[in-house]
Amino acid sequence: MKLLRPEEVTGPLSYVELTPDELTEAYRLAREAFSAADLQKYTETFEDDVDAEEVLREMEERQAQFDAEREAK
C-alpha cells in the first residue's frame, strides 16, 4: 500500500473501501510518515484571521461532492 502526500497527488482521488487489516496498515504507514516538520505546520501561529464559517462552508461543499461521487458509483 502506498500513501500519497498532498504534494504527490496529481489528479482526482477515488474512494476505496479498505478491509480492517488494510485500514490498520494505512494508519500505521500514515503515523510513520508523519514527521516533526509536519507537526510544526499545525503549531505555528498565523497572523491572518481565518473565518470559521468560510472553512465550515468549504468543508460542507467538499463533503457534498464526495457523497455525490460515492452515490454515483
PDB file of N, CA and C in Angstrom:
ATOM      1  N   MET A   1       0.847  -1.170   0.000  1.00  0.00           N
ATOM      2  CA  MET A   1       0.000   0.000   0.000  1.00  0.00           C
ATOM      3  C   MET A   1       0.895   1.236   0.000  1.00  0.00           C
ATOM      4  N   LYS A   2       0.569   2.200  -0.824  1.00  0.00           N
ATOM      5  CA  LYS A   2       1.349   3.426  -0.923  1.00  0.00           C
ATOM      6  C   LYS A   2       0.466   4.585  -0.503  1.00  0.00           C
ATOM      7  N   LEU A   3       0.924   5.355   0.473  1.00  0.00           N
ATOM      8  CA  LEU A   3       0.223   6.563   0.879  1.00  0.00           C
ATOM      9  C   LEU A   3       0.836   7.740   0.147  1.00  0.00           C
ATOM     10  N   LEU A   4       0.001   8.660  -0.304  1.00  0.00           N
ATOM     11  CA  LEU A   4       0.480   9.830  -1.020  1.00  0.00           C
ATOM     12  C   LEU A   4       0.406  11.065  -0.131  1.00  0.00           C
ATOM     13  N   ARG A   5       1.451  11.871  -0.192  1.00  0.00           N
ATOM     14  CA  ARG A   5       1.419  13.173   0.464  1.00  0.00           C
ATOM     15  C   ARG A   5       0.616  14.106  -0.442  1.00  0.00           C
ATOM     16  N   PRO A   6       0.017  15.152   0.106  1.00  0.00           N
ATOM     17  CA  PRO A   6      -0.779  16.060  -0.730  1.00  0.00           C
ATOM     18  C   PRO A   6      -0.021  16.583  -1.947  1.00  0.00           C
ATOM     19  N   GLU A   7       1.267  16.855  -1.804  1.00  0.00           N
ATOM     20  CA  GLU A   7       2.046  17.386  -2.925  1.00  0.00           C
ATOM     21  C   GLU A   7       2.298  16.332  -4.010  1.00  0.00           C
ATOM     22  N   GLU A   8       2.074  15.053  -3.701  1.00  0.00           N
ATOM     23  CA  GLU A   8       2.270  13.985  -4.676  1.00  0.00           C
ATOM     24  C   GLU A   8       1.010  13.685  -5.492  1.00  0.00           C
ATOM     25  N   VAL A   9      -0.118  14.196  -5.062  1.00  0.00           N
ATOM     26  CA  VAL A   9      -1.379  13.928  -5.739  1.00  0.00           C
ATOM     27  C   VAL A   9      -1.467  14.808  -6.983  1.00  0.00           C
ATOM     28  N   THR A  10      -1.675  14.166  -8.134  1.00  0.00           N
ATOM     29  CA  THR A  10      -1.704  14.915  -9.391  1.00  0.00           C
ATOM     30  C   THR A  10      -3.096  14.975 -10.015  1.00  0.00           C
ATOM     31  N   GLY A  11      -4.023  14.212  -9.513  1.00  0.00           N
ATOM     32  CA  GLY A  11      -5.361  14.201 -10.097  1.00  0.00           C
ATOM     33  C   GLY A  11      -6.388  13.854  -9.045  1.00  0.00           C
ATOM     34  N   PRO A  12      -7.632  13.690  -9.464  1.00  0.00           N
ATOM     35  CA  PRO A  12      -8.691  13.356  -8.507  1.00  0.00           C
ATOM     36  C   PRO A  12      -8.466  11.973  -7.896  1.00  0.00           C
ATOM     37  N   LEU A  13      -8.819  11.844  -6.654  1.00  0.00           N
ATOM     38  CA  LEU A  13      -8.692  10.567  -5.954  1.00  0.00           C
ATOM     39  C   LEU A  13     -10.017   9.829  -6.005  1.00  0.00           C
ATOM     40  N   SER A  14      -9.964   8.533  -6.019  1.00  0.00           N
ATOM     41  CA  SER A  14     -11.182   7.738  -5.994  1.00  0.00           C
ATOM     42  C   SER A  14     -11.336   7.110  -4.610  1.00  0.00           C
ATOM     43  N   TYR A  15     -12.567   6.867  -4.241  1.00  0.00           N
ATOM     44  CA  TYR A  15     -12.873   6.258  -2.954  1.00  0.00           C
ATOM     45  C   TYR A  15     -12.598   4.762  -3.034  1.00  0.00           C
ATOM     46  N   VAL A  16     -11.912   4.249  -2.021  1.00  0.00           N
ATOM     47  CA  VAL A  16     -11.585   2.830  -1.988  1.00  0.00           C
ATOM     48  C   VAL A  16     -12.013   2.268  -0.634  1.00  0.00           C
ATOM     49  N   GLU A  17     -12.811   1.211  -0.663  1.00  0.00           N
ATOM     50  CA  GLU A  17     -13.192   0.531   0.579  1.00  0.00           C
ATOM     51  C   GLU A  17     -12.002  -0.310   1.032  1.00  0.00           C
ATOM     52  N   LEU A  18     -11.588  -0.136   2.285  1.00  0.00           N
ATOM     53  CA  LEU A  18     -10.468  -0.903   2.810  1.00  0.00           C
ATOM     54  C   LEU A  18     -10.972  -1.936   3.802  1.00  0.00           C
ATOM     55  N   THR A  19     -10.319  -3.085   3.807  1.00  0.00           N
ATOM     56  CA  THR A  19     -10.623  -4.095   4.807  1.00  0.00           C
ATOM     57  C   THR A  19     -10.063  -3.599   6.141  1.00  0.00           C
ATOM     58  N   PRO A  20     -10.498  -4.162   7.250  1.00  0.00           N
ATOM     59  CA  PRO A  20      -9.946  -3.738   8.532  1.00  0.00           C
ATOM     60  C   PRO A  20      -8.416  -3.870   8.600  1.00  0.00           C
ATOM     61  N   ASP A  21      -7.859  -4.931   8.009  1.00  0.00           N
ATOM     62  CA  ASP A  21      -6.407  -5.102   8.010  1.00  0.00           C
ATOM     63  C   ASP A  21      -5.726  -4.026   7.168  1.00  0.00           C
ATOM     64  N   GLU A  22      -6.325  -3.711   6.014  1.00  0.00           N
ATOM     65  CA  GLU A  22      -5.752  -2.659   5.163  1.00  0.00           C
ATOM     66  C   GLU A  22      -5.839  -1.297   5.845  1.00  0.00           C
ATOM     67  N   LEU A  23      -6.931  -1.043   6.542  1.00  0.00           N
ATOM     68  CA  LEU A  23      -7.097   0.219   7.249  1.00  0.00           C
ATOM     69  C   LEU A  23      -6.065   0.350   8.369  1.00  0.00           C
ATOM     70  N   THR A  24      -5.834  -0.724   9.097  1.00  0.00           N
ATOM     71  CA  THR A  24      -4.806  -0.728  10.146  1.00  0.00           C
ATOM     72  C   THR A  24      -3.438  -0.436   9.548  1.00  0.00           C
ATOM     73  N   GLU A  25      -3.143  -1.045   8.416  1.00  0.00           N
ATOM     74  CA  GLU A  25      -1.867  -0.815   7.733  1.00  0.00           C
ATOM     75  C   GLU A  25      -1.755   0.633   7.258  1.00  0.00           C
ATOM     76  N   ALA A  26      -2.838   1.187   6.731  1.00  0.00           N
ATOM     77  CA  ALA A  26      -2.823   2.575   6.261  1.00  0.00           C
ATOM     78  C   ALA A  26      -2.556   3.530   7.422  1.00  0.00           C
ATOM     79  N   TYR A  27      -3.207   3.309   8.562  1.00  0.00           N
ATOM     80  CA  TYR A  27      -2.968   4.147   9.741  1.00  0.00           C
ATOM     81  C   TYR A  27      -1.517   4.033  10.206  1.00  0.00           C
ATOM     82  N   ARG A  28      -0.980   2.810  10.198  1.00  0.00           N
ATOM     83  CA  ARG A  28       0.410   2.610  10.612  1.00  0.00           C
ATOM     84  C   ARG A  28       1.356   3.374   9.697  1.00  0.00           C
ATOM     85  N   LEU A  29       1.146   3.257   8.393  1.00  0.00           N
ATOM     86  CA  LEU A  29       2.002   3.957   7.432  1.00  0.00           C
ATOM     87  C   LEU A  29       1.888   5.472   7.583  1.00  0.00           C
ATOM     88  N   ALA A  30       0.674   5.950   7.818  1.00  0.00           N
ATOM     89  CA  ALA A  30       0.481   7.393   7.986  1.00  0.00           C
ATOM     90  C   ALA A  30       1.190   7.894   9.234  1.00  0.00           C
ATOM     91  N   ARG A  31       1.098   7.139  10.337  1.00  0.00           N
ATOM     92  CA  ARG A  31       1.795   7.549  11.570  1.00  0.00           C
ATOM     93  C   ARG A  31       3.300   7.581  11.362  1.00  0.00           C
ATOM     94  N   GLU A  32       3.828   6.583  10.658  1.00  0.00           N
ATOM     95  CA  GLU A  32       5.268   6.540  10.414  1.00  0.00           C
ATOM     96  C   GLU A  32       5.726   7.673   9.498  1.00  0.00           C
ATOM     97  N   ALA A  33       4.879   8.071   8.559  1.00  0.00           N
ATOM     98  CA  ALA A  33       5.251   9.114   7.597  1.00  0.00           C
ATOM     99  C   ALA A  33       5.112  10.511   8.183  1.00  0.00           C
ATOM    100  N   PHE A  34       4.355  10.661   9.268  1.00  0.00           N
ATOM    101  CA  PHE A  34       4.128  11.975   9.865  1.00  0.00           C
ATOM    102  C   PHE A  34       5.367  12.387  10.656  1.00  0.00           C
ATOM    103  N   SER A  35       5.977  13.487  10.256  1.00  0.00           N
ATOM    104  CA  SER A  35       7.239  13.905  10.858  1.00  0.00           C
ATOM    105  C   SER A  35       7.049  15.119  11.757  1.00  0.00           C
ATOM    106  N   ALA A  36       8.102  15.488  12.449  1.00  0.00           N
ATOM    107  CA  ALA A  36       8.092  16.689  13.281  1.00  0.00           C
ATOM    108  C   ALA A  36       7.853  17.923  12.419  1.00  0.00           C
ATOM    109  N   ALA A  37       8.371  17.921  11.196  1.00  0.00           N
ATOM    110  CA  ALA A  37       8.148  19.052  10.286  1.00  0.00           C
ATOM    111  C   ALA A  37       6.661  19.179   9.938  1.00  0.00           C
ATOM    112  N   ASP A  38       5.987  18.052   9.788  1.00  0.00           N
ATOM    113  CA  ASP A  38       4.548  18.085   9.522  1.00  0.00           C
ATOM    114  C   ASP A  38       3.804  18.681  10.720  1.00  0.00           C
ATOM    115  N   LEU A  39       4.185  18.264  11.899  1.00  0.00           N
ATOM    116  CA  LEU A  39       3.550  18.775  13.107  1.00  0.00           C
ATOM    117  C   LEU A  39       3.776  20.272  13.256  1.00  0.00           C
ATOM    118  N   GLN A  40       4.945  20.740  12.889  1.00  0.00           N
ATOM    119  CA  GLN A  40       5.276  22.159  13.010  1.00  0.00           C
ATOM    120  C   GLN A  40       4.294  23.028  12.224  1.00  0.00           C
ATOM    121  N   LYS A  41       3.838  22.541  11.074  1.00  0.00           N
ATOM    122  CA  LYS A  41       2.886  23.309  10.263  1.00  0.00           C
ATOM    123  C   LYS A  41       1.622  23.629  11.050  1.00  0.00           C
ATOM    124  N   TYR A  42       1.212  22.717  11.934  1.00  0.00           N
ATOM    125  CA  TYR A  42      -0.033  22.882  12.670  1.00  0.00           C
ATOM    126  C   TYR A  42       0.150  23.595  14.005  1.00  0.00           C
ATOM    127  N   THR A  43       1.382  23.866  14.406  1.00  0.00           N
ATOM    128  CA  THR A  43       1.618  24.523  15.678  1.00  0.00           C
ATOM    129  C   THR A  43       2.080  25.959  15.526  1.00  0.00           C
ATOM    130  N   GLU A  44       2.286  26.406  14.285  1.00  0.00           N
ATOM    131  CA  GLU A  44       2.712  27.782  14.061  1.00  0.00           C
ATOM    132  C   GLU A  44       1.539  28.731  14.274  1.00  0.00           C
ATOM    133  N   THR A  45       1.843  29.929  14.718  1.00  0.00           N
ATOM    134  CA  THR A  45       0.838  30.962  14.889  1.00  0.00           C
ATOM    135  C   THR A  45       0.751  31.765  13.602  1.00  0.00           C
ATOM    136  N   PHE A  46      -0.448  31.922  13.112  1.00  0.00           N
ATOM    137  CA  PHE A  46      -0.665  32.674  11.881  1.00  0.00           C
ATOM    138  C   PHE A  46      -1.223  34.047  12.224  1.00  0.00           C
ATOM    139  N   GLU A  47      -0.765  35.036  11.521  1.00  0.00           N
ATOM    140  CA  GLU A  47      -1.242  36.390  11.774  1.00  0.00           C
ATOM    141  C   GLU A  47      -2.562  36.664  11.077  1.00  0.00           C
ATOM    142  N   ASP A  48      -2.835  35.964   9.993  1.00  0.00           N
ATOM    143  CA  ASP A  48      -4.085  36.175   9.271  1.00  0.00           C
ATOM    144  C   ASP A  48      -5.223  35.486  10.010  1.00  0.00           C
ATOM    145  N   ASP A  49      -6.334  36.176  10.122  1.00  0.00           N
ATOM    146  CA  ASP A  49      -7.514  35.572  10.740  1.00  0.00           C
ATOM    147  C   ASP A  49      -8.159  34.603   9.758  1.00  0.00           C
ATOM    148  N   VAL A  50      -8.686  33.528  10.280  1.00  0.00           N
ATOM    149  CA  VAL A  50      -9.377  32.541   9.461  1.00  0.00           C
ATOM    150  C   VAL A  50     -10.847  32.597   9.832  1.00  0.00           C
ATOM    151  N   ASP A  51     -11.696  32.756   8.829  1.00  0.00           N
ATOM    152  CA  ASP A  51     -13.129  32.813   9.048  1.00  0.00           C
ATOM    153  C   ASP A  51     -13.658  31.388   9.198  1.00  0.00           C
ATOM    154  N   ALA A  52     -14.057  31.027  10.398  1.00  0.00           N
ATOM    155  CA  ALA A  52     -14.507  29.668  10.680  1.00  0.00           C
ATOM    156  C   ALA A  52     -15.736  29.299   9.858  1.00  0.00           C
ATOM    157  N   GLU A  53     -16.623  30.263   9.635  1.00  0.00           N
ATOM    158  CA  GLU A  53     -17.818  29.964   8.841  1.00  0.00           C
ATOM    159  C   GLU A  53     -17.451  29.627   7.402  1.00  0.00           C
ATOM    160  N   GLU A  54     -16.439  30.317   6.857  1.00  0.00           N
ATOM    161  CA  GLU A  54     -15.991  30.030   5.496  1.00  0.00           C
ATOM    162  C   GLU A  54     -15.361  28.637   5.417  1.00  0.00           C
ATOM    163  N   VAL A  55     -14.568  28.295   6.405  1.00  0.00           N
ATOM    164  CA  VAL A  55     -13.947  26.974   6.440  1.00  0.00           C
ATOM    165  C   VAL A  55     -15.023  25.897   6.528  1.00  0.00           C
ATOM    166  N   LEU A  56     -16.004  26.092   7.393  1.00  0.00           N
ATOM    167  CA  LEU A  56     -17.093  25.133   7.537  1.00  0.00           C
ATOM    168  C   LEU A  56     -17.874  24.998   6.231  1.00  0.00           C
ATOM    169  N   ARG A  57     -18.145  26.111   5.562  1.00  0.00           N
ATOM    170  CA  ARG A  57     -18.866  26.092   4.297  1.00  0.00           C
ATOM    171  C   ARG A  57     -18.089  25.282   3.249  1.00  0.00           C
ATOM    172  N   GLU A  58     -16.767  25.506   3.180  1.00  0.00           N
ATOM    173  CA  GLU A  58     -15.927  24.758   2.238  1.00  0.00           C
ATOM    174  C   GLU A  58     -15.934  23.264   2.565  1.00  0.00           C
ATOM    175  N   MET A  59     -15.867  22.938   3.846  1.00  0.00           N
ATOM    176  CA  MET A  59     -15.873  21.528   4.241  1.00  0.00           C
ATOM    177  C   MET A  59     -17.201  20.867   3.869  1.00  0.00           C
ATOM    178  N   GLU A  60     -18.308  21.582   4.072  1.00  0.00           N
ATOM    179  CA  GLU A  60     -19.617  21.030   3.731  1.00  0.00           C
ATOM    180  C   GLU A  60     -19.741  20.827   2.224  1.00  0.00           C
ATOM    181  N   GLU A  61     -19.205  21.763   1.421  1.00  0.00           N
ATOM    182  CA  GLU A  61     -19.240  21.624  -0.030  1.00  0.00           C
ATOM    183  C   GLU A  61     -18.433  20.403  -0.476  1.00  0.00           C
ATOM    184  N   ARG A  62     -17.253  20.236   0.098  1.00  0.00           N
ATOM    185  CA  ARG A  62     -16.414  19.090  -0.267  1.00  0.00           C
ATOM    186  C   ARG A  62     -17.068  17.782   0.142  1.00  0.00           C
ATOM    187  N   GLN A  63     -17.718  17.768   1.318  1.00  0.00           N
ATOM    188  CA  GLN A  63     -18.399  16.554   1.765  1.00  0.00           C
ATOM    189  C   GLN A  63     -19.547  16.228   0.819  1.00  0.00           C
ATOM    190  N   ALA A  64     -20.284  17.249   0.382  1.00  0.00           N
ATOM    191  CA  ALA A  64     -21.393  17.030  -0.545  1.00  0.00           C
ATOM    192  C   ALA A  64     -20.869  16.478  -1.873  1.00  0.00           C
ATOM    193  N   GLN A  65     -19.745  16.994  -2.359  1.00  0.00           N
ATOM    194  CA  GLN A  65     -19.145  16.481  -3.594  1.00  0.00           C
ATOM    195  C   GLN A  65     -18.726  15.028  -3.419  1.00  0.00           C
ATOM    196  N   PHE A  66     -18.096  14.732  -2.298  1.00  0.00           N
ATOM    197  CA  PHE A  66     -17.659  13.363  -2.015  1.00  0.00           C
ATOM    198  C   PHE A  66     -18.848  12.420  -1.970  1.00  0.00           C
ATOM    199  N   ASP A  67     -19.911  12.838  -1.273  1.00  0.00           N
ATOM    200  CA  ASP A  67     -21.103  11.999  -1.165  1.00  0.00           C
ATOM    201  C   ASP A  67     -21.738  11.767  -2.528  1.00  0.00           C
ATOM    202  N   ALA A  68     -21.785  12.816  -3.358  1.00  0.00           N
ATOM    203  CA  ALA A  68     -22.383  12.692  -4.695  1.00  0.00           C
ATOM    204  C   ALA A  68     -21.559  11.738  -5.552  1.00  0.00           C
ATOM    205  N   GLU A  69     -20.248  11.840  -5.485  1.00  0.00           N
ATOM    206  CA  GLU A  69     -19.391  10.931  -6.249  1.00  0.00           C
ATOM    207  C   GLU A  69     -19.553   9.495  -5.782  1.00  0.00           C
ATOM    208  N   ARG A  70     -19.666   9.323  -4.488  1.00  0.00           N
ATOM    209  CA  ARG A  70     -19.817   7.973  -3.930  1.00  0.00           C
ATOM    210  C   ARG A  70     -21.154   7.357  -4.334  1.00  0.00           C
ATOM    211  N   GLU A  71     -22.216   8.155  -4.341  1.00  0.00           N
ATOM    212  CA  GLU A  71     -23.534   7.650  -4.723  1.00  0.00           C
ATOM    213  C   GLU A  71     -23.591   7.328  -6.213  1.00  0.00           C
ATOM    214  N   ALA A  72     -22.799   8.054  -7.018  1.00  0.00           N
ATOM    215  CA  ALA A  72     -22.804   7.839  -8.463  1.00  0.00           C
ATOM    216  C   ALA A  72     -22.177   6.511  -8.838  1.00  0.00           C
ATOM    217  N   LYS A  73     -21.393   5.954  -7.955  1.00  0.00           N
ATOM    218  CA  LYS A  73     -20.693   4.672  -8.263  1.00  0.00           C
ATOM    219  C   LYS A  73     -21.567   3.493  -7.994  1.00  0.00           C
TER     220      LYS A  73
END
